[in-house]
Every structure is written in C-alpha cells, then in structure tokens.
N, C-alpha and C. Protein backbone atom coordinates (compact mmCIF):
# COMPACT_ATOMS: atom_id res chain seq x y z
N MET A 1 9.30 11.94 5.57
CA MET A 1 9.49 12.93 3.98
C MET A 1 8.20 12.58 3.46
N PRO A 2 7.52 11.21 3.81
CA PRO A 2 5.41 11.83 3.30
C PRO A 2 5.06 12.07 3.20
N GLU A 3 4.83 12.81 4.92
CA GLU A 3 3.93 14.22 5.66
C GLU A 3 4.79 15.35 4.52
N LEU A 4 5.95 15.72 4.07
CA LEU A 4 6.10 17.02 3.37
C LEU A 4 5.82 16.18 2.27
N LEU A 5 5.81 15.68 1.26
CA LEU A 5 5.24 15.16 -0.10
C LEU A 5 4.26 15.02 -0.15
N VAL A 6 3.32 15.94 0.95
CA VAL A 6 1.81 15.72 0.92
C VAL A 6 1.41 16.81 1.41
N ALA A 7 2.18 17.76 2.58
CA ALA A 7 2.15 19.11 1.92
C ALA A 7 2.22 19.50 0.72
N ALA A 8 3.28 19.14 0.29
CA ALA A 8 3.76 19.77 -1.18
C ALA A 8 2.56 20.29 -1.97
N ARG A 9 2.43 18.88 -2.14
CA ARG A 9 1.10 18.49 -3.09
C ARG A 9 -0.25 19.48 -2.52
N GLN A 10 -0.46 20.04 -1.70
CA GLN A 10 -1.55 20.67 -1.11
C GLN A 10 -1.18 22.09 -1.92
N VAL A 11 0.56 22.83 -1.25
CA VAL A 11 0.99 24.68 -1.46
C VAL A 11 1.10 24.60 -2.62
N LEU A 12 1.35 23.24 -3.77
CA LEU A 12 1.01 23.28 -5.40
C LEU A 12 -0.53 23.72 -5.67
N ALA A 13 -1.04 23.00 -5.72
CA ALA A 13 -2.63 22.92 -5.42
C ALA A 13 -3.21 24.15 -5.48
N VAL A 14 -3.07 24.40 -4.68
CA VAL A 14 -3.09 25.89 -4.00
C VAL A 14 -2.70 26.33 -4.83
N ARG A 15 -0.64 27.05 -4.88
CA ARG A 15 -1.00 27.84 -5.34
C ARG A 15 -1.10 27.71 -6.74
N ALA A 16 -1.31 26.84 -7.72
CA ALA A 16 -1.55 27.01 -8.89
C ALA A 16 -3.10 27.86 -9.45
N ASP A 17 -3.90 27.64 -7.80
CA ASP A 17 -5.58 28.28 -8.25
C ASP A 17 -5.24 29.24 -8.20
N ALA A 18 -4.41 30.07 -7.16
CA ALA A 18 -4.20 30.77 -7.14
C ALA A 18 -3.34 31.95 -7.87
N VAL A 19 -2.23 31.33 -9.14
CA VAL A 19 -1.65 32.48 -9.83
C VAL A 19 -2.72 32.33 -10.90
N GLU A 20 -3.61 31.74 -11.30
CA GLU A 20 -4.17 31.42 -12.30
C GLU A 20 -5.34 32.36 -12.36
N LEU A 21 -6.36 32.46 -10.93
CA LEU A 21 -7.33 32.96 -10.72
C LEU A 21 -6.45 34.77 -11.17
N GLY A 22 -5.58 34.91 -10.81
CA GLY A 22 -5.29 36.18 -9.81
C GLY A 22 -4.86 36.88 -11.52
N VAL A 23 -4.04 35.93 -12.35
CA VAL A 23 -3.98 36.25 -13.28
C VAL A 23 -5.22 36.63 -14.43
N ASP A 24 -6.48 35.93 -14.23
CA ASP A 24 -7.46 36.28 -15.29
C ASP A 24 -8.86 37.45 -14.20
N LEU A 25 -8.46 37.73 -13.07
CA LEU A 25 -8.79 38.61 -12.47
C LEU A 25 -8.00 40.02 -12.93
N ALA A 26 -6.46 39.85 -13.37
CA ALA A 26 -5.44 41.23 -13.13
C ALA A 26 -6.56 41.68 -15.23
N ALA A 27 -6.77 40.31 -16.02
CA ALA A 27 -7.47 40.93 -16.97
C ALA A 27 -8.48 41.29 -17.46
N GLY A 28 -8.82 41.00 -16.26
CA GLY A 28 -10.63 41.15 -16.37
C GLY A 28 -11.27 40.10 -16.94
N ALA A 29 -10.71 39.10 -17.33
CA ALA A 29 -11.27 37.72 -17.54
C ALA A 29 -11.79 36.92 -16.41
N PRO A 30 -13.39 36.08 -17.14
CA PRO A 30 -14.11 35.53 -16.02
C PRO A 30 -12.90 34.82 -16.23
N SER A 31 -13.45 33.52 -14.61
CA SER A 31 -12.50 32.89 -14.54
C SER A 31 -13.68 31.61 -13.58
N PRO A 32 -13.07 30.43 -14.19
CA PRO A 32 -14.44 29.01 -13.57
C PRO A 32 -13.60 29.06 -11.79
N LEU A 33 -12.62 29.83 -11.62
CA LEU A 33 -11.57 29.67 -9.92
C LEU A 33 -12.67 30.85 -9.52
N GLY A 34 -13.33 31.49 -9.81
CA GLY A 34 -13.81 32.70 -9.14
C GLY A 34 -13.74 34.09 -9.38
N GLY A 35 -14.06 34.88 -7.59
CA GLY A 35 -13.23 36.44 -8.14
C GLY A 35 -12.84 36.99 -7.49
N LEU A 36 -12.21 37.73 -5.96
CA LEU A 36 -12.07 38.82 -5.62
C LEU A 36 -11.91 37.52 -4.64
N PRO A 37 -12.87 37.45 -3.90
CA PRO A 37 -13.29 36.72 -2.46
C PRO A 37 -12.73 35.22 -2.47
N GLU A 38 -12.95 34.49 -3.90
CA GLU A 38 -12.56 32.81 -3.90
C GLU A 38 -10.37 33.35 -3.86
N LEU A 39 -9.89 34.17 -4.89
CA LEU A 39 -8.93 34.41 -4.93
C LEU A 39 -8.56 35.17 -3.06
N LYS A 40 -9.25 35.61 -2.13
CA LYS A 40 -8.24 35.70 -1.35
C LYS A 40 -8.60 34.59 -0.53
N GLY A 41 -9.08 34.14 -0.33
CA GLY A 41 -9.80 32.70 0.53
C GLY A 41 -8.04 31.73 -0.01
N LEU A 42 -7.83 31.55 -1.46
CA LEU A 42 -6.72 30.80 -1.83
C LEU A 42 -5.59 31.69 -1.11
N GLN A 43 -5.82 32.88 -0.94
CA GLN A 43 -4.10 33.63 -0.51
C GLN A 43 -4.39 32.55 0.61
N ALA A 44 -5.14 33.06 1.06
CA ALA A 44 -5.02 32.45 3.34
C ALA A 44 -4.68 30.98 3.01
N ARG A 45 -5.24 29.85 2.22
CA ARG A 45 -5.17 28.97 2.14
C ARG A 45 -4.00 28.51 1.93
N LEU A 46 -2.46 29.69 1.07
CA LEU A 46 -1.68 29.60 0.68
C LEU A 46 -0.72 29.04 1.60
N HIS A 47 -0.72 30.74 2.68
CA HIS A 47 -0.43 30.91 3.91
C HIS A 47 -0.45 29.80 4.98
N SER A 48 -1.69 29.09 4.69
CA SER A 48 -1.66 28.59 6.12
C SER A 48 -1.13 27.21 5.75
N ALA A 49 -1.40 26.56 3.87
CA ALA A 49 -0.31 25.43 3.59
C ALA A 49 1.04 25.47 4.25
N LEU A 50 1.70 26.65 3.55
CA LEU A 50 3.34 27.02 3.72
C LEU A 50 4.09 26.83 4.91
N ASP A 51 2.37 27.53 6.04
CA ASP A 51 2.73 27.79 7.59
C ASP A 51 3.08 26.31 7.99
N TRP A 52 2.50 24.73 7.77
CA TRP A 52 2.98 23.68 7.61
C TRP A 52 4.67 23.90 7.79
N PHE A 53 5.41 23.54 6.90
CA PHE A 53 6.46 23.70 6.98
C PHE A 53 7.21 24.26 8.72
N GLY A 54 7.14 25.62 9.04
CA GLY A 54 8.08 25.79 10.26
C GLY A 54 6.98 25.08 11.26
N GLU A 55 6.27 25.13 11.37
CA GLU A 55 5.39 24.00 12.08
C GLU A 55 6.01 23.00 12.54
N HIS A 56 6.80 22.62 11.20
CA HIS A 56 6.72 21.01 11.40
C HIS A 56 8.71 20.85 11.49
N GLY A 57 9.71 22.04 12.06
CA GLY A 57 10.61 22.52 12.00
C GLY A 57 11.67 22.49 10.35
N ALA A 58 10.64 22.51 9.90
CA ALA A 58 11.09 22.69 8.12
C ALA A 58 11.77 24.54 8.23
N GLN A 59 12.77 25.10 7.32
CA GLN A 59 13.05 26.02 7.16
C GLN A 59 12.05 26.22 5.22
N LEU A 60 11.70 27.12 5.12
CA LEU A 60 10.56 27.36 3.89
C LEU A 60 11.64 28.60 3.14
N ARG A 61 12.09 27.94 2.02
CA ARG A 61 13.28 29.11 1.53
C ARG A 61 12.80 29.55 -0.01
N GLY A 62 11.49 28.99 -0.13
CA GLY A 62 10.79 29.34 -1.68
C GLY A 62 9.95 28.93 -1.70
N TRP A 63 9.28 29.63 -2.30
CA TRP A 63 7.17 28.55 -2.51
C TRP A 63 7.43 28.77 -4.05
N ALA A 64 7.79 29.61 -5.09
CA ALA A 64 7.62 28.77 -6.51
C ALA A 64 9.65 28.89 -6.90
N PRO A 65 9.54 27.99 -7.44
CA PRO A 65 9.10 26.88 -7.06
C PRO A 65 9.52 26.00 -5.05
N LEU A 66 8.85 25.24 -4.77
CA LEU A 66 9.11 25.01 -3.41
C LEU A 66 9.94 24.17 -3.28
N LEU A 67 10.80 25.44 -1.57
CA LEU A 67 12.21 24.48 -1.37
C LEU A 67 12.08 25.12 -0.20
N VAL A 68 12.51 23.21 0.41
CA VAL A 68 12.80 23.68 2.16
C VAL A 68 13.71 22.98 2.40
N ASP A 69 14.53 23.48 3.41
CA ASP A 69 16.01 22.93 4.09
C ASP A 69 14.94 22.56 5.44
N LEU A 70 15.90 21.04 5.79
CA LEU A 70 15.15 20.08 6.73
C LEU A 70 16.78 20.18 8.04
N PRO A 71 16.80 20.71 8.95
CA PRO A 71 18.00 20.32 9.32
C PRO A 71 18.07 18.80 10.01
N GLY A 72 19.61 18.74 9.93
CA GLY A 72 19.97 17.25 10.03
C GLY A 72 21.80 17.10 9.64
N GLU A 73 22.11 15.92 9.76
CA GLU A 73 23.49 15.32 9.86
C GLU A 73 23.75 14.82 8.90
N HIS A 74 24.89 15.11 8.22
CA HIS A 74 25.72 14.16 7.75
C HIS A 74 27.10 13.93 7.74
N GLU A 75 27.43 12.70 7.60
CA GLU A 75 29.20 12.43 8.00
C GLU A 75 29.19 12.62 9.49
N GLY A 76 28.64 13.74 10.32
CA GLY A 76 28.69 13.71 11.69
C GLY A 76 28.82 15.04 11.87
N GLN A 77 28.89 15.95 10.67
CA GLN A 77 28.91 16.93 10.74
C GLN A 77 27.03 17.88 10.11
N PRO A 78 26.84 18.77 11.26
CA PRO A 78 25.47 19.42 10.21
C PRO A 78 24.94 20.14 9.53
N VAL A 79 24.18 19.94 9.08
CA VAL A 79 23.84 20.24 7.73
C VAL A 79 22.13 20.46 7.10
N ALA A 80 21.99 21.28 6.76
CA ALA A 80 20.12 21.40 6.05
C ALA A 80 20.37 20.27 4.78
N TRP A 81 19.00 19.31 4.69
CA TRP A 81 18.94 18.36 3.95
C TRP A 81 18.14 19.55 3.54
N CYS A 82 18.13 19.46 1.88
CA CYS A 82 17.75 20.55 1.29
C CYS A 82 16.56 19.41 0.38
N TRP A 83 15.09 20.32 -0.08
CA TRP A 83 14.18 19.45 -0.36
C TRP A 83 13.99 20.41 -1.71
N LEU A 84 13.46 19.90 -2.91
CA LEU A 84 12.88 20.73 -4.50
C LEU A 84 11.94 20.74 -5.04
N GLU A 85 11.03 21.76 -5.24
CA GLU A 85 9.39 20.76 -6.03
C GLU A 85 10.30 20.06 -7.04
N GLY A 86 9.52 18.58 -6.85
CA GLY A 86 9.75 17.93 -7.67
C GLY A 86 10.56 16.52 -7.21
N GLU A 87 10.86 16.90 -6.49
CA GLU A 87 12.05 15.87 -5.87
C GLU A 87 10.88 14.99 -4.95
N THR A 88 11.70 13.79 -5.13
CA THR A 88 11.07 12.41 -4.54
C THR A 88 11.42 11.94 -3.02
N GLU A 89 12.09 12.26 -2.87
CA GLU A 89 14.00 11.83 -1.81
C GLU A 89 14.35 12.96 -1.25
N LEU A 90 14.71 13.11 -0.05
CA LEU A 90 15.83 13.50 0.09
C LEU A 90 16.85 13.55 -0.54
N ALA A 91 17.81 13.76 -0.88
CA ALA A 91 18.22 13.12 -1.78
C ALA A 91 20.07 14.41 -2.09
N TRP A 92 19.65 15.94 -1.23
CA TRP A 92 20.92 16.60 -1.24
C TRP A 92 20.91 16.91 0.27
N TYR A 93 21.96 17.69 0.22
CA TYR A 93 22.08 19.02 1.20
C TYR A 93 23.72 19.94 1.29
N HIS A 94 23.25 20.46 2.06
CA HIS A 94 24.23 21.86 1.79
C HIS A 94 25.08 22.14 3.78
N ARG A 95 25.84 22.65 3.50
CA ARG A 95 26.50 23.29 4.84
C ARG A 95 25.44 24.08 5.05
N GLU A 96 24.47 24.53 6.68
CA GLU A 96 23.96 25.01 7.28
C GLU A 96 23.79 26.88 7.03
N ASP A 97 25.36 26.82 6.80
CA ASP A 97 26.01 28.16 6.19
C ASP A 97 26.35 28.57 4.89
N CYS A 98 26.07 27.64 4.15
CA CYS A 98 26.04 28.27 2.82
C CYS A 98 24.92 28.17 2.29
N GLY A 99 23.73 27.54 1.97
CA GLY A 99 22.31 27.79 0.78
C GLY A 99 22.59 27.07 -0.45
N PHE A 100 21.15 27.16 -1.27
CA PHE A 100 21.17 26.46 -2.01
C PHE A 100 22.45 25.75 -2.97
N ALA A 101 23.67 27.26 -3.50
CA ALA A 101 24.45 26.63 -4.29
C ALA A 101 25.49 26.11 -4.08
N ALA A 102 25.61 25.71 -2.73
CA ALA A 102 26.38 24.53 -2.12
C ALA A 102 25.59 23.13 -2.26
N ARG A 103 24.72 23.33 -2.43
CA ARG A 103 24.32 21.96 -2.63
C ARG A 103 24.38 20.70 -3.17
N ARG A 104 24.82 19.79 -2.72
CA ARG A 104 25.13 18.52 -2.66
C ARG A 104 24.27 17.10 -2.64
N PRO A 105 25.07 16.43 -4.09
CA PRO A 105 23.85 15.30 -3.50
C PRO A 105 24.55 13.98 -2.73
N VAL A 106 23.51 13.36 -2.31
CA VAL A 106 24.22 11.99 -1.44
C VAL A 106 24.68 11.22 -2.23
N GLU A 107 25.61 10.81 -1.76
CA GLU A 107 26.58 9.67 -2.67
C GLU A 107 25.71 8.24 -2.17
N ASP A 108 25.52 7.39 -2.99
CA ASP A 108 24.77 6.78 -2.52
C ASP A 108 26.12 5.06 -1.99
C-alpha cells in the first residue's frame, strides 16, 4: 500500500498541473506552468505515472478520480481490492465480475 500511495501522489500532482495548464492554454491566458511544450511533457509524465499501476499488477479503472483494483482474496473468494483516490488503506473490495457499484467495506 505505501508504494501505491506514493504512485498515486505522483499522478495527482502531475494531473493537477496538466489540467490547470490545459485550461489556461485553452483560455489563451498565460500560465506560470509554461506553454504547449510543457503541457505535452506533463501529459507524457501523466501517462508514465499511470502505467506504474499496470506494471505492478493493478487495474487502473479511472484517473479522475484515481480508481485502482488489485487482485486478491477475501474470505477465500477471489475479489478485487478497490482503492479510490483519497483513501489511506485498502478497506473496500468487490467481486471481480461486479465492479465499483458492488463495493463493500471490509468489516473489522
């Protein structure tokens, strides 16, 4: 989980800069973040940061908000551990074939 949180923080920082710069450029406004070359660089960094999840066995389900599924088991059944941006631990899961709408909290 600590590695996932570090990777997520990187995605969030780059995503925020890319969105802010993109909005400024679309409005024709100057940005302290740069111009089109910097936006292209941020977009490349964002794709690279998002690739980390797949490279580590996770399934990226969304990037705004960041939503990641990790394969695992709960009570002997195959599940996807479901992590949503802002959460500090893996405390939710769902059946592999159901997705986010079937998310359940892990009971203590």
